Amino acid sequence: MMGYPLLWIAAAMAAGGVALLRLSWGRPKRSPTLNAAGWAALALAMIFGWSDSGAWGSSVTALVAMAAAGLALGLAGAQARPGKAPASNARVRMLPEGSEPRRLLGRSLTFLLVIVAGLFISIGLAVVVRGLAHAAGWGEANANAFALLMMPFLWAVLAYAILIQPRRKVQWAILLGSAAPVLLVLATGALR
């Protein structure tokens, strides 16, 4: 085998893990054994990809897994029979019903908290993660790639945590608590 032998194994395990999950999810009742084997293969694939080539290896492994998943979904969609049930007309309370107040100010504030404040806090947290990775001895490229991978993940987690809270005070507390590590690093200049 040419260079990157562990990366080839990681790519094969990623495709195999997706195949196992598709096999399990295609059954009338999901198989816990196949599910566990599929997720374990994907986790090991990422570990092998990282071990072989760092962030680049894990990126290649993730791309193989996504390509396999896209192929599996495409094949399943092409083979699926058209549904007979009519599409749901249910609404998710995005817009006010009838004479309900529009609450534009509250909706706008929620947008600003999740999108604007959440974005900036997530970027700050990703910079903190990058600094910690660099301080732990990671190379510059791996620390940067890890921060770039973490930012959308952190933003999604933060957005979810804010949006499920019915009270505005709890939303603010989540934002301030998430911003605390960023503010601490900025105040002390601990990570450069």
N, C-alpha and C. Protein backbone atom coordinates (compact mmCIF):
# COMPACT_ATOMS: atom_id res chain seq x y z
N MET A 1 0.85 -1.17 0.00
CA MET A 1 0.00 0.00 0.00
C MET A 1 0.89 1.23 0.00
N MET A 2 0.47 2.25 -0.74
CA MET A 2 1.25 3.49 -0.81
C MET A 2 1.14 4.21 0.54
N GLY A 3 1.59 5.48 0.61
CA GLY A 3 1.62 6.23 1.86
C GLY A 3 0.26 6.32 2.55
N TYR A 4 0.26 6.74 3.78
CA TYR A 4 -0.93 6.92 4.61
C TYR A 4 -1.71 5.62 4.83
N PRO A 5 -1.09 4.54 5.28
CA PRO A 5 -1.84 3.28 5.42
C PRO A 5 -2.97 3.38 6.44
N LEU A 6 -2.74 4.08 7.53
CA LEU A 6 -3.79 4.19 8.54
C LEU A 6 -4.95 5.03 8.04
N LEU A 7 -4.66 6.00 7.18
CA LEU A 7 -5.73 6.83 6.62
C LEU A 7 -6.62 6.03 5.68
N TRP A 8 -6.03 5.10 4.92
CA TRP A 8 -6.83 4.22 4.06
C TRP A 8 -7.74 3.34 4.91
N ILE A 9 -7.22 2.84 6.00
CA ILE A 9 -8.03 2.02 6.92
C ILE A 9 -9.15 2.87 7.51
N ALA A 10 -8.83 4.11 7.89
CA ALA A 10 -9.85 5.01 8.45
C ALA A 10 -10.95 5.29 7.44
N ALA A 11 -10.58 5.52 6.18
CA ALA A 11 -11.58 5.78 5.15
C ALA A 11 -12.48 4.56 4.94
N ALA A 12 -11.88 3.38 4.92
CA ALA A 12 -12.68 2.15 4.76
C ALA A 12 -13.60 1.94 5.95
N MET A 13 -13.10 2.22 7.15
CA MET A 13 -13.94 2.06 8.35
C MET A 13 -15.08 3.07 8.35
N ALA A 14 -14.83 4.29 7.86
CA ALA A 14 -15.88 5.30 7.81
C ALA A 14 -16.99 4.86 6.87
N ALA A 15 -16.62 4.39 5.69
CA ALA A 15 -17.63 3.90 4.73
C ALA A 15 -18.35 2.68 5.30
N GLY A 16 -17.60 1.79 5.93
CA GLY A 16 -18.22 0.61 6.55
C GLY A 16 -19.16 0.96 7.68
N GLY A 17 -18.79 1.95 8.48
CA GLY A 17 -19.67 2.38 9.58
C GLY A 17 -20.98 2.93 9.06
N VAL A 18 -20.92 3.72 8.00
CA VAL A 18 -22.15 4.24 7.40
C VAL A 18 -22.99 3.10 6.84
N ALA A 19 -22.33 2.12 6.20
CA ALA A 19 -23.06 0.97 5.65
C ALA A 19 -23.76 0.18 6.76
N LEU A 20 -23.07 0.00 7.90
CA LEU A 20 -23.70 -0.71 9.02
C LEU A 20 -24.91 0.05 9.56
N LEU A 21 -24.77 1.37 9.69
CA LEU A 21 -25.90 2.17 10.18
C LEU A 21 -27.06 2.11 9.20
N ARG A 22 -26.79 2.19 7.92
CA ARG A 22 -27.85 2.12 6.91
C ARG A 22 -28.55 0.77 6.95
N LEU A 23 -27.76 -0.29 7.12
CA LEU A 23 -28.33 -1.63 7.22
C LEU A 23 -29.25 -1.73 8.44
N SER A 24 -28.80 -1.19 9.56
CA SER A 24 -29.60 -1.22 10.78
C SER A 24 -30.87 -0.39 10.65
N TRP A 25 -30.73 0.81 10.10
CA TRP A 25 -31.88 1.71 10.02
C TRP A 25 -32.85 1.31 8.92
N GLY A 26 -32.43 0.45 8.01
CA GLY A 26 -33.32 -0.01 6.96
C GLY A 26 -34.21 -1.16 7.40
N ARG A 27 -33.99 -1.69 8.56
CA ARG A 27 -34.81 -2.80 9.07
C ARG A 27 -36.10 -2.26 9.70
N PRO A 28 -37.11 -3.13 9.82
CA PRO A 28 -38.34 -2.68 10.48
C PRO A 28 -38.10 -2.23 11.92
N LYS A 29 -37.19 -2.92 12.61
CA LYS A 29 -36.80 -2.51 13.96
C LYS A 29 -35.28 -2.40 13.98
N ARG A 30 -34.78 -1.26 14.45
CA ARG A 30 -33.33 -1.04 14.44
C ARG A 30 -32.62 -2.04 15.33
N SER A 31 -31.45 -2.45 14.88
CA SER A 31 -30.65 -3.42 15.61
C SER A 31 -29.65 -2.67 16.51
N PRO A 32 -29.75 -2.83 17.83
CA PRO A 32 -28.78 -2.16 18.71
C PRO A 32 -27.34 -2.61 18.44
N THR A 33 -27.16 -3.86 18.07
CA THR A 33 -25.82 -4.36 17.79
C THR A 33 -25.23 -3.69 16.55
N LEU A 34 -26.02 -3.63 15.47
CA LEU A 34 -25.53 -2.98 14.25
C LEU A 34 -25.32 -1.48 14.48
N ASN A 35 -26.22 -0.85 15.23
CA ASN A 35 -26.06 0.57 15.56
C ASN A 35 -24.74 0.81 16.29
N ALA A 36 -24.50 0.01 17.32
CA ALA A 36 -23.27 0.17 18.11
C ALA A 36 -22.04 -0.08 17.24
N ALA A 37 -22.10 -1.10 16.39
CA ALA A 37 -20.96 -1.40 15.53
C ALA A 37 -20.72 -0.28 14.52
N GLY A 38 -21.79 0.27 13.97
CA GLY A 38 -21.65 1.37 13.01
C GLY A 38 -21.04 2.61 13.64
N TRP A 39 -21.56 3.01 14.81
CA TRP A 39 -21.03 4.21 15.48
C TRP A 39 -19.60 3.97 15.97
N ALA A 40 -19.32 2.75 16.43
CA ALA A 40 -17.94 2.45 16.86
C ALA A 40 -16.98 2.51 15.68
N ALA A 41 -17.41 2.00 14.51
CA ALA A 41 -16.55 2.06 13.33
C ALA A 41 -16.29 3.51 12.93
N LEU A 42 -17.32 4.35 13.01
CA LEU A 42 -17.13 5.77 12.67
C LEU A 42 -16.18 6.45 13.67
N ALA A 43 -16.35 6.15 14.95
CA ALA A 43 -15.48 6.76 15.96
C ALA A 43 -14.03 6.31 15.77
N LEU A 44 -13.83 5.02 15.55
CA LEU A 44 -12.47 4.52 15.33
C LEU A 44 -11.88 5.09 14.05
N ALA A 45 -12.71 5.25 13.03
CA ALA A 45 -12.23 5.84 11.78
C ALA A 45 -11.69 7.25 12.02
N MET A 46 -12.41 8.04 12.80
CA MET A 46 -11.94 9.40 13.09
C MET A 46 -10.65 9.37 13.90
N ILE A 47 -10.56 8.45 14.84
CA ILE A 47 -9.32 8.33 15.64
C ILE A 47 -8.15 7.93 14.76
N PHE A 48 -8.37 6.96 13.88
CA PHE A 48 -7.30 6.52 12.97
C PHE A 48 -6.91 7.64 12.01
N GLY A 49 -7.91 8.35 11.49
CA GLY A 49 -7.60 9.46 10.58
C GLY A 49 -6.78 10.53 11.26
N TRP A 50 -7.14 10.85 12.51
CA TRP A 50 -6.39 11.86 13.26
C TRP A 50 -4.99 11.34 13.58
N SER A 51 -4.89 10.07 13.96
CA SER A 51 -3.58 9.50 14.31
C SER A 51 -2.64 9.51 13.12
N ASP A 52 -3.18 9.29 11.92
CA ASP A 52 -2.33 9.23 10.74
C ASP A 52 -1.89 10.61 10.28
N SER A 53 -2.84 11.55 10.19
CA SER A 53 -2.52 12.84 9.56
C SER A 53 -3.12 14.04 10.26
N GLY A 54 -3.44 13.93 11.51
CA GLY A 54 -3.96 15.07 12.25
C GLY A 54 -5.31 15.56 11.72
N ALA A 55 -5.48 16.87 11.71
CA ALA A 55 -6.75 17.45 11.28
C ALA A 55 -7.04 17.12 9.82
N TRP A 56 -6.01 17.07 9.00
CA TRP A 56 -6.23 16.73 7.59
C TRP A 56 -6.77 15.31 7.47
N GLY A 57 -6.22 14.39 8.22
CA GLY A 57 -6.69 13.00 8.19
C GLY A 57 -8.11 12.85 8.66
N SER A 58 -8.47 13.57 9.74
CA SER A 58 -9.86 13.48 10.21
C SER A 58 -10.81 14.14 9.22
N SER A 59 -10.36 15.18 8.52
CA SER A 59 -11.19 15.81 7.50
C SER A 59 -11.44 14.86 6.33
N VAL A 60 -10.40 14.18 5.89
CA VAL A 60 -10.56 13.22 4.79
C VAL A 60 -11.50 12.10 5.22
N THR A 61 -11.32 11.61 6.44
CA THR A 61 -12.18 10.54 6.95
C THR A 61 -13.64 11.01 7.01
N ALA A 62 -13.86 12.24 7.50
CA ALA A 62 -15.23 12.77 7.57
C ALA A 62 -15.82 12.93 6.17
N LEU A 63 -15.02 13.34 5.21
CA LEU A 63 -15.51 13.48 3.83
C LEU A 63 -15.92 12.12 3.26
N VAL A 64 -15.16 11.09 3.53
CA VAL A 64 -15.52 9.75 3.06
C VAL A 64 -16.84 9.31 3.71
N ALA A 65 -16.97 9.56 5.02
CA ALA A 65 -18.20 9.18 5.71
C ALA A 65 -19.39 9.94 5.13
N MET A 66 -19.23 11.24 4.88
CA MET A 66 -20.33 12.03 4.32
C MET A 66 -20.68 11.59 2.90
N ALA A 67 -19.67 11.25 2.12
CA ALA A 67 -19.94 10.77 0.76
C ALA A 67 -20.69 9.44 0.80
N ALA A 68 -20.28 8.56 1.70
CA ALA A 68 -20.98 7.27 1.84
C ALA A 68 -22.41 7.49 2.31
N ALA A 69 -22.61 8.41 3.25
CA ALA A 69 -23.96 8.70 3.73
C ALA A 69 -24.81 9.30 2.62
N GLY A 70 -24.23 10.21 1.83
CA GLY A 70 -24.96 10.80 0.71
C GLY A 70 -25.36 9.75 -0.31
N LEU A 71 -24.45 8.83 -0.59
CA LEU A 71 -24.74 7.74 -1.53
C LEU A 71 -25.85 6.85 -0.99
N ALA A 72 -25.76 6.50 0.30
CA ALA A 72 -26.79 5.65 0.91
C ALA A 72 -28.15 6.33 0.89
N LEU A 73 -28.18 7.63 1.21
CA LEU A 73 -29.46 8.34 1.19
C LEU A 73 -30.01 8.48 -0.22
N GLY A 74 -29.13 8.71 -1.18
CA GLY A 74 -29.57 8.80 -2.58
C GLY A 74 -30.17 7.50 -3.07
N LEU A 75 -29.51 6.38 -2.74
CA LEU A 75 -30.04 5.07 -3.15
C LEU A 75 -31.37 4.78 -2.45
N ALA A 76 -31.47 5.10 -1.17
CA ALA A 76 -32.72 4.87 -0.45
C ALA A 76 -33.84 5.73 -1.01
N GLY A 77 -33.53 6.97 -1.35
CA GLY A 77 -34.54 7.86 -1.92
C GLY A 77 -35.00 7.40 -3.29
N ALA A 78 -34.07 6.88 -4.09
CA ALA A 78 -34.43 6.41 -5.43
C ALA A 78 -35.28 5.15 -5.36
N GLN A 79 -35.09 4.34 -4.33
CA GLN A 79 -35.84 3.09 -4.21
C GLN A 79 -37.14 3.25 -3.43
N ALA A 80 -37.34 4.37 -2.78
CA ALA A 80 -38.52 4.55 -1.93
C ALA A 80 -39.78 4.72 -2.80
N ARG A 81 -40.85 4.14 -2.32
CA ARG A 81 -42.13 4.30 -3.00
C ARG A 81 -42.75 5.62 -2.57
N PRO A 82 -43.49 6.25 -3.46
CA PRO A 82 -44.14 7.51 -3.07
C PRO A 82 -45.13 7.28 -1.94
N GLY A 83 -45.18 8.22 -1.02
CA GLY A 83 -46.10 8.10 0.11
C GLY A 83 -47.53 8.39 -0.31
N LYS A 84 -48.47 7.80 0.42
CA LYS A 84 -49.89 7.99 0.12
C LYS A 84 -50.53 9.01 1.06
N ALA A 85 -49.88 9.28 2.17
CA ALA A 85 -50.46 10.22 3.14
C ALA A 85 -50.22 11.65 2.64
N PRO A 86 -51.21 12.53 2.83
CA PRO A 86 -51.01 13.93 2.42
C PRO A 86 -50.00 14.62 3.32
N ALA A 87 -49.35 15.62 2.79
CA ALA A 87 -48.37 16.37 3.56
C ALA A 87 -49.06 17.09 4.72
N SER A 88 -48.37 17.19 5.83
CA SER A 88 -48.93 17.84 7.01
C SER A 88 -49.05 19.34 6.77
N ASN A 89 -50.12 19.91 7.30
CA ASN A 89 -50.33 21.34 7.20
C ASN A 89 -50.11 22.00 8.56
N ALA A 90 -49.49 21.26 9.46
CA ALA A 90 -49.27 21.77 10.81
C ALA A 90 -48.27 22.92 10.79
N ARG A 91 -48.51 23.89 11.65
CA ARG A 91 -47.60 25.03 11.77
C ARG A 91 -46.83 24.90 13.08
N VAL A 92 -45.69 25.49 13.14
CA VAL A 92 -44.86 25.38 14.34
C VAL A 92 -44.81 26.69 15.11
N ARG A 93 -45.85 27.48 15.00
CA ARG A 93 -46.00 28.74 15.73
C ARG A 93 -44.88 29.73 15.38
N MET A 94 -44.41 29.67 14.13
CA MET A 94 -43.43 30.66 13.69
C MET A 94 -44.09 32.02 13.55
N LEU A 95 -45.31 32.03 13.08
CA LEU A 95 -46.04 33.27 12.87
C LEU A 95 -47.27 33.26 13.77
N PRO A 96 -47.75 34.44 14.15
CA PRO A 96 -48.94 34.47 15.01
C PRO A 96 -50.18 33.97 14.27
N GLU A 97 -51.05 33.33 15.01
CA GLU A 97 -52.30 32.81 14.46
C GLU A 97 -53.41 33.81 14.71
N GLY A 98 -54.23 34.06 13.73
CA GLY A 98 -55.40 34.92 13.87
C GLY A 98 -55.08 36.28 14.45
N SER A 99 -55.67 36.55 15.61
CA SER A 99 -55.50 37.86 16.23
C SER A 99 -54.42 37.89 17.31
N GLU A 100 -53.57 36.88 17.34
CA GLU A 100 -52.47 36.87 18.31
C GLU A 100 -51.55 38.06 18.07
N PRO A 101 -50.94 38.60 19.13
CA PRO A 101 -49.98 39.69 18.92
C PRO A 101 -48.74 39.17 18.19
N ARG A 102 -48.14 40.03 17.41
CA ARG A 102 -46.99 39.61 16.59
C ARG A 102 -45.71 39.45 17.40
N ARG A 103 -45.58 40.17 18.49
CA ARG A 103 -44.40 40.10 19.35
C ARG A 103 -43.11 40.28 18.55
N LEU A 104 -43.10 41.29 17.70
CA LEU A 104 -41.93 41.54 16.85
C LEU A 104 -40.69 41.87 17.67
N LEU A 105 -40.87 42.63 18.74
CA LEU A 105 -39.71 42.98 19.57
C LEU A 105 -39.11 41.73 20.21
N GLY A 106 -39.95 40.87 20.77
CA GLY A 106 -39.46 39.64 21.39
C GLY A 106 -38.81 38.70 20.39
N ARG A 107 -39.42 38.57 19.21
CA ARG A 107 -38.85 37.71 18.18
C ARG A 107 -37.52 38.27 17.67
N SER A 108 -37.46 39.60 17.54
CA SER A 108 -36.21 40.23 17.10
C SER A 108 -35.11 40.06 18.14
N LEU A 109 -35.48 40.18 19.42
CA LEU A 109 -34.49 39.99 20.48
C LEU A 109 -33.98 38.55 20.49
N THR A 110 -34.86 37.59 20.31
CA THR A 110 -34.43 36.20 20.25
C THR A 110 -33.47 36.00 19.08
N PHE A 111 -33.78 36.59 17.94
CA PHE A 111 -32.88 36.50 16.78
C PHE A 111 -31.51 37.07 17.12
N LEU A 112 -31.49 38.24 17.75
CA LEU A 112 -30.21 38.87 18.09
C LEU A 112 -29.42 38.04 19.10
N LEU A 113 -30.13 37.45 20.07
CA LEU A 113 -29.44 36.63 21.07
C LEU A 113 -28.82 35.38 20.44
N VAL A 114 -29.60 34.71 19.59
CA VAL A 114 -29.13 33.45 19.03
C VAL A 114 -28.12 33.67 17.91
N ILE A 115 -28.46 34.54 16.97
CA ILE A 115 -27.63 34.69 15.78
C ILE A 115 -26.43 35.59 16.03
N VAL A 116 -26.66 36.78 16.52
CA VAL A 116 -25.56 37.74 16.65
C VAL A 116 -24.71 37.44 17.88
N ALA A 117 -25.33 37.47 19.07
CA ALA A 117 -24.55 37.23 20.29
C ALA A 117 -24.00 35.81 20.31
N GLY A 118 -24.82 34.84 19.92
CA GLY A 118 -24.36 33.45 19.90
C GLY A 118 -23.19 33.25 18.96
N LEU A 119 -23.24 33.92 17.80
CA LEU A 119 -22.13 33.81 16.84
C LEU A 119 -20.84 34.36 17.43
N PHE A 120 -20.89 35.56 18.00
CA PHE A 120 -19.67 36.15 18.54
C PHE A 120 -19.12 35.36 19.72
N ILE A 121 -19.99 34.87 20.57
CA ILE A 121 -19.52 34.07 21.71
C ILE A 121 -18.91 32.76 21.21
N SER A 122 -19.52 32.15 20.19
CA SER A 122 -18.98 30.90 19.64
C SER A 122 -17.62 31.13 19.00
N ILE A 123 -17.45 32.24 18.32
CA ILE A 123 -16.13 32.56 17.75
C ILE A 123 -15.11 32.74 18.87
N GLY A 124 -15.50 33.45 19.92
CA GLY A 124 -14.60 33.63 21.06
C GLY A 124 -14.24 32.32 21.72
N LEU A 125 -15.24 31.44 21.90
CA LEU A 125 -14.95 30.13 22.49
C LEU A 125 -14.03 29.30 21.59
N ALA A 126 -14.22 29.40 20.28
CA ALA A 126 -13.35 28.67 19.35
C ALA A 126 -11.92 29.18 19.44
N VAL A 127 -11.76 30.49 19.63
CA VAL A 127 -10.41 31.06 19.79
C VAL A 127 -9.79 30.55 21.09
N VAL A 128 -10.59 30.45 22.14
CA VAL A 128 -10.10 29.91 23.41
C VAL A 128 -9.69 28.45 23.23
N VAL A 129 -10.53 27.67 22.53
CA VAL A 129 -10.20 26.26 22.27
C VAL A 129 -8.90 26.16 21.48
N ARG A 130 -8.73 27.04 20.49
CA ARG A 130 -7.50 27.05 19.69
C ARG A 130 -6.29 27.33 20.57
N GLY A 131 -6.42 28.31 21.46
CA GLY A 131 -5.32 28.64 22.36
C GLY A 131 -4.98 27.49 23.30
N LEU A 132 -6.01 26.82 23.80
CA LEU A 132 -5.77 25.67 24.68
C LEU A 132 -5.09 24.53 23.93
N ALA A 133 -5.54 24.30 22.69
CA ALA A 133 -4.93 23.24 21.89
C ALA A 133 -3.47 23.57 21.60
N HIS A 134 -3.21 24.82 21.28
CA HIS A 134 -1.82 25.23 21.00
C HIS A 134 -0.97 25.12 22.26
N ALA A 135 -1.54 25.51 23.41
CA ALA A 135 -0.81 25.41 24.68
C ALA A 135 -0.55 23.96 25.06
N ALA A 136 -1.42 23.04 24.60
CA ALA A 136 -1.25 21.62 24.90
C ALA A 136 -0.22 20.97 23.99
N GLY A 137 0.37 21.74 23.08
CA GLY A 137 1.42 21.21 22.24
C GLY A 137 0.99 20.84 20.83
N TRP A 138 -0.26 21.15 20.48
CA TRP A 138 -0.71 20.85 19.11
C TRP A 138 -0.01 21.80 18.16
N GLY A 139 0.19 21.35 16.95
CA GLY A 139 0.78 22.20 15.93
C GLY A 139 -0.18 23.32 15.55
N GLU A 140 0.38 24.34 14.95
CA GLU A 140 -0.42 25.51 14.55
C GLU A 140 -1.58 25.12 13.64
N ALA A 141 -1.31 24.31 12.64
CA ALA A 141 -2.35 23.92 11.68
C ALA A 141 -3.44 23.09 12.33
N ASN A 142 -3.07 22.15 13.20
CA ASN A 142 -4.07 21.33 13.88
C ASN A 142 -4.92 22.15 14.84
N ALA A 143 -4.29 23.06 15.57
CA ALA A 143 -5.04 23.91 16.50
C ALA A 143 -6.02 24.81 15.74
N ASN A 144 -5.58 25.37 14.62
CA ASN A 144 -6.47 26.22 13.81
C ASN A 144 -7.62 25.42 13.23
N ALA A 145 -7.31 24.25 12.68
CA ALA A 145 -8.36 23.41 12.09
C ALA A 145 -9.36 22.97 13.15
N PHE A 146 -8.88 22.63 14.33
CA PHE A 146 -9.78 22.22 15.41
C PHE A 146 -10.69 23.37 15.81
N ALA A 147 -10.17 24.58 15.90
CA ALA A 147 -10.99 25.74 16.23
C ALA A 147 -12.05 25.99 15.16
N LEU A 148 -11.66 25.83 13.90
CA LEU A 148 -12.63 26.01 12.82
C LEU A 148 -13.72 24.95 12.84
N LEU A 149 -13.38 23.75 13.26
CA LEU A 149 -14.39 22.70 13.39
C LEU A 149 -15.29 22.93 14.60
N MET A 150 -14.73 23.49 15.66
CA MET A 150 -15.51 23.67 16.89
C MET A 150 -16.49 24.84 16.83
N MET A 151 -16.18 25.88 16.06
CA MET A 151 -17.03 27.08 16.07
C MET A 151 -18.48 26.78 15.67
N PRO A 152 -18.76 26.13 14.54
CA PRO A 152 -20.17 25.87 14.23
C PRO A 152 -20.83 24.91 15.21
N PHE A 153 -20.04 23.96 15.74
CA PHE A 153 -20.58 23.05 16.74
C PHE A 153 -20.99 23.81 18.00
N LEU A 154 -20.10 24.67 18.48
CA LEU A 154 -20.40 25.46 19.68
C LEU A 154 -21.59 26.38 19.45
N TRP A 155 -21.67 26.97 18.27
CA TRP A 155 -22.78 27.87 17.94
C TRP A 155 -24.10 27.09 17.93
N ALA A 156 -24.09 25.90 17.37
CA ALA A 156 -25.31 25.09 17.33
C ALA A 156 -25.76 24.70 18.73
N VAL A 157 -24.81 24.30 19.58
CA VAL A 157 -25.15 23.92 20.95
C VAL A 157 -25.70 25.13 21.71
N LEU A 158 -25.04 26.27 21.54
CA LEU A 158 -25.48 27.49 22.21
C LEU A 158 -26.87 27.92 21.72
N ALA A 159 -27.10 27.87 20.42
CA ALA A 159 -28.41 28.24 19.86
C ALA A 159 -29.49 27.32 20.40
N TYR A 160 -29.22 26.02 20.45
CA TYR A 160 -30.19 25.06 20.97
C TYR A 160 -30.50 25.36 22.44
N ALA A 161 -29.44 25.59 23.22
CA ALA A 161 -29.63 25.84 24.65
C ALA A 161 -30.46 27.11 24.88
N ILE A 162 -30.28 28.12 24.05
CA ILE A 162 -31.05 29.36 24.21
C ILE A 162 -32.49 29.17 23.76
N LEU A 163 -32.68 28.53 22.63
CA LEU A 163 -34.01 28.43 22.05
C LEU A 163 -34.97 27.54 22.83
N ILE A 164 -34.46 26.59 23.59
CA ILE A 164 -35.37 25.73 24.34
C ILE A 164 -35.81 26.35 25.66
N GLN A 165 -35.23 27.49 26.03
CA GLN A 165 -35.57 28.14 27.29
C GLN A 165 -36.76 29.07 27.09
N PRO A 166 -37.82 28.90 27.89
CA PRO A 166 -38.99 29.77 27.72
C PRO A 166 -38.82 31.14 28.39
N ARG A 167 -37.88 31.25 29.32
CA ARG A 167 -37.72 32.51 30.05
C ARG A 167 -36.49 33.25 29.57
N ARG A 168 -36.65 34.56 29.38
CA ARG A 168 -35.57 35.39 28.84
C ARG A 168 -34.39 35.47 29.81
N LYS A 169 -34.65 35.47 31.13
CA LYS A 169 -33.55 35.54 32.10
C LYS A 169 -32.62 34.34 31.98
N VAL A 170 -33.19 33.17 31.75
CA VAL A 170 -32.37 31.97 31.60
C VAL A 170 -31.56 32.06 30.31
N GLN A 171 -32.14 32.61 29.25
CA GLN A 171 -31.41 32.79 27.99
C GLN A 171 -30.20 33.69 28.20
N TRP A 172 -30.41 34.80 28.91
CA TRP A 172 -29.29 35.71 29.21
C TRP A 172 -28.23 35.02 30.06
N ALA A 173 -28.67 34.22 31.02
CA ALA A 173 -27.72 33.51 31.89
C ALA A 173 -26.86 32.54 31.08
N ILE A 174 -27.48 31.86 30.12
CA ILE A 174 -26.73 30.93 29.26
C ILE A 174 -25.70 31.70 28.45
N LEU A 175 -26.10 32.84 27.88
CA LEU A 175 -25.16 33.64 27.09
C LEU A 175 -24.01 34.14 27.95
N LEU A 176 -24.32 34.68 29.12
CA LEU A 176 -23.27 35.20 29.99
C LEU A 176 -22.35 34.10 30.50
N GLY A 177 -22.94 32.95 30.84
CA GLY A 177 -22.12 31.82 31.28
C GLY A 177 -21.20 31.32 30.18
N SER A 178 -21.69 31.32 28.94
CA SER A 178 -20.87 30.89 27.82
C SER A 178 -19.78 31.90 27.49
N ALA A 179 -20.07 33.15 27.74
CA ALA A 179 -19.08 34.20 27.46
C ALA A 179 -18.02 34.30 28.54
N ALA A 180 -18.25 33.71 29.71
CA ALA A 180 -17.31 33.84 30.84
C ALA A 180 -15.89 33.39 30.49
N PRO A 181 -15.70 32.21 29.85
CA PRO A 181 -14.31 31.83 29.52
C PRO A 181 -13.64 32.82 28.56
N VAL A 182 -14.42 33.34 27.63
CA VAL A 182 -13.85 34.29 26.67
C VAL A 182 -13.44 35.57 27.40
N LEU A 183 -14.31 36.06 28.28
CA LEU A 183 -14.01 37.28 29.03
C LEU A 183 -12.81 37.08 29.95
N LEU A 184 -12.71 35.89 30.55
CA LEU A 184 -11.58 35.59 31.44
C LEU A 184 -10.27 35.60 30.66
N VAL A 185 -10.28 35.00 29.48
CA VAL A 185 -9.06 34.98 28.65
C VAL A 185 -8.71 36.38 28.20
N LEU A 186 -9.72 37.15 27.80
CA LEU A 186 -9.44 38.52 27.37
C LEU A 186 -8.90 39.38 28.53
N ALA A 187 -9.47 39.19 29.72
CA ALA A 187 -9.04 39.98 30.87
C ALA A 187 -7.62 39.63 31.33
N THR A 188 -7.30 38.34 31.26
CA THR A 188 -5.97 37.94 31.77
C THR A 188 -4.92 37.85 30.68
N GLY A 189 -5.35 37.75 29.44
CA GLY A 189 -4.38 37.59 28.34
C GLY A 189 -3.65 36.28 28.43
N ALA A 190 -4.33 35.25 28.98
CA ALA A 190 -3.69 33.97 29.24
C ALA A 190 -3.27 33.25 27.98
N LEU A 191 -4.09 33.30 26.95
CA LEU A 191 -3.77 32.59 25.70
C LEU A 191 -3.40 33.59 24.62
N ARG A 192 -2.32 33.33 23.96
CA ARG A 192 -1.91 34.22 22.88
C ARG A 192 -1.76 33.43 21.59
